[in-house]
């Protein structure tokens, strides 16, 4: 027998979650499931019943948090735009050269505008399904999420040596090019052409920056 009695640690009491915490957790599960369903099945195949199954909750729980399909879609758009914004800002903070900044900006713009969620947002905006909502419209969600990302890319371009006015024009032109091709997919989707045009755009930017005596491989000092 041991000379020292075994010390029994007092059992830690589990603090129960509040109703608000449980509600938020359920809402988060539904949103995560909705993003998954939308990614797999697309907008046309999006069903709240599938969201409920994927989330492991009842259909009643889904309709409790999101009374209509469009309410859920709008919430998904807001959530995914938020995540994309975080990713974009992180990318912008990690650029070390002009060519790296342009390449990363182009990739970030493609990831956002060529996503299923961007087309969903366009559909909701065009059809005006949620035009009577005083808050969280597609337009306000887009502005709230994208403008800070664009500001981060503008700072990144300036930090590696691109003059501010030129950096702003480059940012606008890049996003406009990618956004335009993304919308064109609705009636003419040619992935190989898209990639060729993006490569052409990078070559044009390289040539133009060289003419402006901005070294494309320049790193910040």
Protein backbone atom coordinates (compact mmCIF):
# COMPACT_ATOMS: atom_id res chain seq x y z
CA UNK A 1 0.00 0.00 0.00
CA UNK A 2 1.30 3.42 -0.94
CA UNK A 3 2.30 5.67 1.89
CA UNK A 4 0.68 8.57 0.15
CA UNK A 5 -3.05 8.49 -0.28
CA UNK A 6 -4.29 9.09 -3.84
CA UNK A 7 -5.51 12.61 -4.32
CA UNK A 8 -8.80 12.75 -6.14
CA UNK A 9 -9.20 15.88 -8.19
CA UNK A 10 -12.56 17.56 -7.77
CA UNK A 11 -14.74 17.04 -10.80
CA UNK A 12 -15.08 20.16 -12.86
CA UNK A 13 -18.62 21.24 -13.33
CA UNK A 14 -19.68 21.83 -16.91
CA UNK A 15 -21.11 25.27 -17.37
CA UNK A 16 -24.27 24.95 -19.41
CA UNK A 17 -24.55 27.08 -22.53
CA UNK A 18 -27.05 29.87 -22.51
CA UNK A 19 -30.03 29.84 -24.83
CA UNK A 20 -28.39 32.54 -26.93
CA UNK A 21 -25.24 30.41 -27.32
CA UNK A 22 -27.28 27.35 -28.32
CA UNK A 23 -29.22 29.43 -30.82
CA UNK A 24 -26.06 30.85 -32.34
CA UNK A 25 -24.49 27.39 -32.58
CA UNK A 26 -27.53 26.01 -34.39
CA UNK A 27 -27.58 28.98 -36.75
CA UNK A 28 -23.89 28.46 -37.49
CA UNK A 29 -24.46 24.77 -38.26
CA UNK A 30 -27.25 25.68 -40.65
CA UNK A 31 -25.13 28.28 -42.43
CA UNK A 32 -22.17 25.90 -42.76
CA UNK A 33 -24.49 23.23 -44.14
CA UNK A 34 -26.08 25.70 -46.55
CA UNK A 35 -22.68 26.72 -47.89
CA UNK A 36 -21.84 23.05 -48.41
CA UNK A 37 -25.12 22.28 -50.19
CA UNK A 38 -24.81 25.33 -52.40
CA UNK A 39 -21.23 24.44 -53.31
CA UNK A 40 -22.15 20.86 -54.21
CA UNK A 41 -25.57 21.30 -55.83
CA UNK A 42 -25.46 24.88 -57.02
CA UNK A 43 -28.20 27.46 -56.93
CA UNK A 44 -30.71 25.48 -58.99
CA UNK A 45 -30.38 22.43 -56.75
CA UNK A 46 -30.41 24.30 -53.45
CA UNK A 47 -33.10 22.93 -51.12
CA UNK A 48 -33.68 23.78 -47.47
CA UNK A 49 -34.51 20.13 -46.82
CA UNK A 50 -30.99 19.16 -47.89
CA UNK A 51 -29.60 21.88 -45.64
CA UNK A 52 -31.49 20.46 -42.67
CA UNK A 53 -30.16 16.94 -43.33
CA UNK A 54 -26.59 18.17 -43.78
CA UNK A 55 -26.77 20.27 -40.62
CA UNK A 56 -28.34 17.45 -38.60
CA UNK A 57 -31.32 19.58 -37.56
CA UNK A 58 -35.01 19.52 -38.27
CA UNK A 59 -36.57 21.44 -41.13
CA UNK A 60 -38.45 23.35 -38.46
CA UNK A 61 -35.16 24.53 -37.00
CA UNK A 62 -34.10 25.81 -40.40
CA UNK A 63 -37.33 27.70 -40.97
CA UNK A 64 -37.19 29.06 -37.42
CA UNK A 65 -33.88 30.79 -38.17
CA UNK A 66 -34.58 31.44 -41.86
CA UNK A 67 -38.32 31.62 -42.62
CA UNK A 68 -37.84 31.61 -46.41
CA UNK A 69 -35.33 30.11 -48.86
CA UNK A 70 -34.19 33.56 -49.94
CA UNK A 71 -33.59 34.56 -46.31
CA UNK A 72 -31.23 31.62 -45.98
CA UNK A 73 -29.55 32.35 -49.32
CA UNK A 74 -28.98 35.97 -48.33
CA UNK A 75 -27.46 34.87 -45.02
CA UNK A 76 -25.21 32.44 -46.88
CA UNK A 77 -24.10 35.20 -49.25
CA UNK A 78 -23.28 37.42 -46.28
CA UNK A 79 -21.33 34.67 -44.53
CA UNK A 80 -19.34 33.62 -47.59
CA UNK A 81 -18.60 37.22 -48.54
CA UNK A 82 -17.33 37.74 -44.99
CA UNK A 83 -15.03 34.72 -45.26
CA UNK A 84 -13.82 35.80 -48.70
CA UNK A 85 -13.10 39.24 -47.28
CA UNK A 86 -10.94 37.80 -44.54
CA UNK A 87 -9.04 35.68 -47.07
CA UNK A 88 -8.54 38.62 -49.41
CA UNK A 89 -7.23 40.91 -46.71
CA UNK A 90 -4.82 38.21 -45.52
CA UNK A 91 -3.53 37.71 -49.07
CA UNK A 92 -3.01 41.43 -49.54
CA UNK A 93 -0.93 41.62 -46.37
CA UNK A 94 1.48 38.95 -47.61
CA UNK A 95 2.58 40.38 -50.97
CA UNK A 96 6.28 41.18 -51.32
CA UNK A 97 6.66 42.38 -54.92
CA UNK A 98 4.77 44.06 -57.72
CA UNK A 99 4.40 40.88 -59.76
CA UNK A 100 3.38 38.99 -56.62
CA UNK A 101 0.78 41.63 -55.81
CA UNK A 102 -0.72 41.58 -59.31
CA UNK A 103 -0.82 37.77 -59.41
CA UNK A 104 -2.36 37.53 -55.95
CA UNK A 105 -4.91 40.24 -56.72
CA UNK A 106 -5.95 38.44 -59.89
CA UNK A 107 -6.27 35.12 -58.07
CA UNK A 108 -8.26 36.66 -55.24
CA UNK A 109 -10.59 38.37 -57.69
CA UNK A 110 -11.12 35.10 -59.58
CA UNK A 111 -11.84 33.17 -56.40
CA UNK A 112 -14.53 35.67 -55.46
CA UNK A 113 -16.23 36.55 -58.73
CA UNK A 114 -16.09 33.05 -60.20
CA UNK A 115 -17.72 31.52 -57.13
CA UNK A 116 -21.25 30.12 -57.11
CA UNK A 117 -22.17 32.62 -54.42
CA UNK A 118 -21.40 35.60 -56.63
CA UNK A 119 -23.89 34.37 -59.23
CA UNK A 120 -26.43 33.79 -56.47
CA UNK A 121 -25.93 37.35 -55.26
CA UNK A 122 -26.46 38.66 -58.79
CA UNK A 123 -29.68 36.68 -59.11
CA UNK A 124 -31.03 37.99 -55.82
CA UNK A 125 -30.09 41.56 -56.72
CA UNK A 126 -31.50 41.49 -60.26
CA UNK A 127 -34.78 39.89 -59.33
CA UNK A 128 -35.18 42.29 -56.43
CA UNK A 129 -36.58 39.59 -54.21
CA UNK A 130 -35.29 41.31 -51.10
CA UNK A 131 -35.68 44.91 -52.21
CA UNK A 132 -38.09 45.68 -49.36
CA UNK A 133 -35.61 44.62 -46.70
CA UNK A 134 -34.34 47.74 -44.86
CA UNK A 135 -31.03 46.11 -43.97
CA UNK A 136 -28.72 43.40 -45.26
CA UNK A 137 -29.57 43.89 -48.93
CA UNK A 138 -27.24 42.32 -51.44
CA UNK A 139 -25.81 45.73 -52.29
CA UNK A 140 -25.02 46.68 -48.73
CA UNK A 141 -23.56 43.24 -48.00
CA UNK A 142 -21.33 43.50 -51.07
CA UNK A 143 -20.13 46.97 -50.18
CA UNK A 144 -19.53 46.04 -46.54
CA UNK A 145 -17.42 43.02 -47.47
CA UNK A 146 -15.65 44.08 -50.66
CA UNK A 147 -14.67 47.70 -50.06
CA UNK A 148 -12.34 46.84 -47.14
CA UNK A 149 -10.77 44.13 -49.30
CA UNK A 150 -10.17 46.60 -52.12
CA UNK A 151 -8.65 49.04 -49.65
CA UNK A 152 -6.24 46.31 -48.52
CA UNK A 153 -5.20 45.57 -52.10
CA UNK A 154 -4.71 49.26 -52.79
CA UNK A 155 -2.38 49.56 -49.80
CA UNK A 156 -0.55 46.40 -50.92
CA UNK A 157 0.07 47.73 -54.43
CA UNK A 158 1.28 51.06 -53.08
CA UNK A 159 3.55 49.33 -50.55
CA UNK A 160 5.48 47.53 -53.32
CA UNK A 161 6.07 50.65 -55.36
CA UNK A 162 3.01 51.30 -57.55
CA UNK A 163 1.96 54.99 -57.46
CA UNK A 164 -1.38 55.49 -55.73
CA UNK A 165 -3.39 56.68 -58.75
CA UNK A 166 -2.02 53.89 -60.93
CA UNK A 167 -2.59 51.35 -58.17
CA UNK A 168 -6.23 52.39 -57.89
CA UNK A 169 -6.74 52.17 -61.65
CA UNK A 170 -5.06 48.76 -61.75
CA UNK A 171 -7.30 47.55 -58.94
CA UNK A 172 -10.48 48.76 -60.64
CA UNK A 173 -9.51 47.38 -64.04
CA UNK A 174 -8.51 43.96 -62.68
CA UNK A 175 -11.71 43.51 -60.69
CA UNK A 176 -13.84 44.81 -63.56
CA UNK A 177 -12.20 42.42 -66.04
CA UNK A 178 -12.68 39.40 -63.80
CA UNK A 179 -16.22 40.40 -62.81
CA UNK A 180 -17.21 40.92 -66.43
CA UNK A 181 -15.94 37.51 -67.51
CA UNK A 182 -17.65 35.94 -64.50
CA UNK A 183 -21.00 37.37 -65.57
CA UNK A 184 -20.42 36.32 -69.17
CA UNK A 185 -20.36 32.71 -67.98
CA UNK A 186 -24.15 32.96 -67.73
CA UNK A 187 -24.37 32.66 -71.53
CA UNK A 188 -20.86 31.68 -72.66
CA UNK A 189 -18.65 29.74 -70.28
CA UNK A 190 -15.20 29.04 -71.75
CA UNK A 191 -12.70 28.29 -68.95
CA UNK A 192 -9.72 27.94 -71.30
CA UNK A 193 -10.45 31.34 -72.82
CA UNK A 194 -10.76 32.86 -69.35
CA UNK A 195 -7.35 31.63 -68.34
CA UNK A 196 -5.83 32.86 -71.61
CA UNK A 197 -7.34 36.31 -71.10
CA UNK A 198 -6.13 36.48 -67.50
CA UNK A 199 -2.62 35.61 -68.67
CA UNK A 200 -2.88 38.26 -71.38
CA UNK A 201 -3.96 40.81 -68.78
CA UNK A 202 -0.91 40.05 -66.64
CA UNK A 203 1.34 40.48 -69.69
CA UNK A 204 -0.29 43.82 -70.50
CA UNK A 205 0.16 44.99 -66.91
CA UNK A 206 3.80 43.91 -66.99
CA UNK A 207 4.46 45.85 -70.18
CA UNK A 208 2.67 48.94 -68.96
CA UNK A 209 4.42 49.00 -65.59
CA UNK A 210 7.75 48.61 -67.36
CA UNK A 211 6.95 51.63 -69.52
CA UNK A 212 6.27 53.57 -66.31
CA UNK A 213 9.72 52.55 -65.00
CA UNK A 214 8.15 50.37 -62.33
CA UNK A 215 10.16 47.18 -62.09
CA UNK A 216 7.75 44.29 -62.07
CA UNK A 217 9.91 42.19 -59.75
CA UNK A 218 10.47 45.04 -57.35
CA UNK A 219 10.34 44.19 -53.66
CA UNK A 220 9.55 46.71 -50.92
CA UNK A 221 12.52 48.30 -49.24
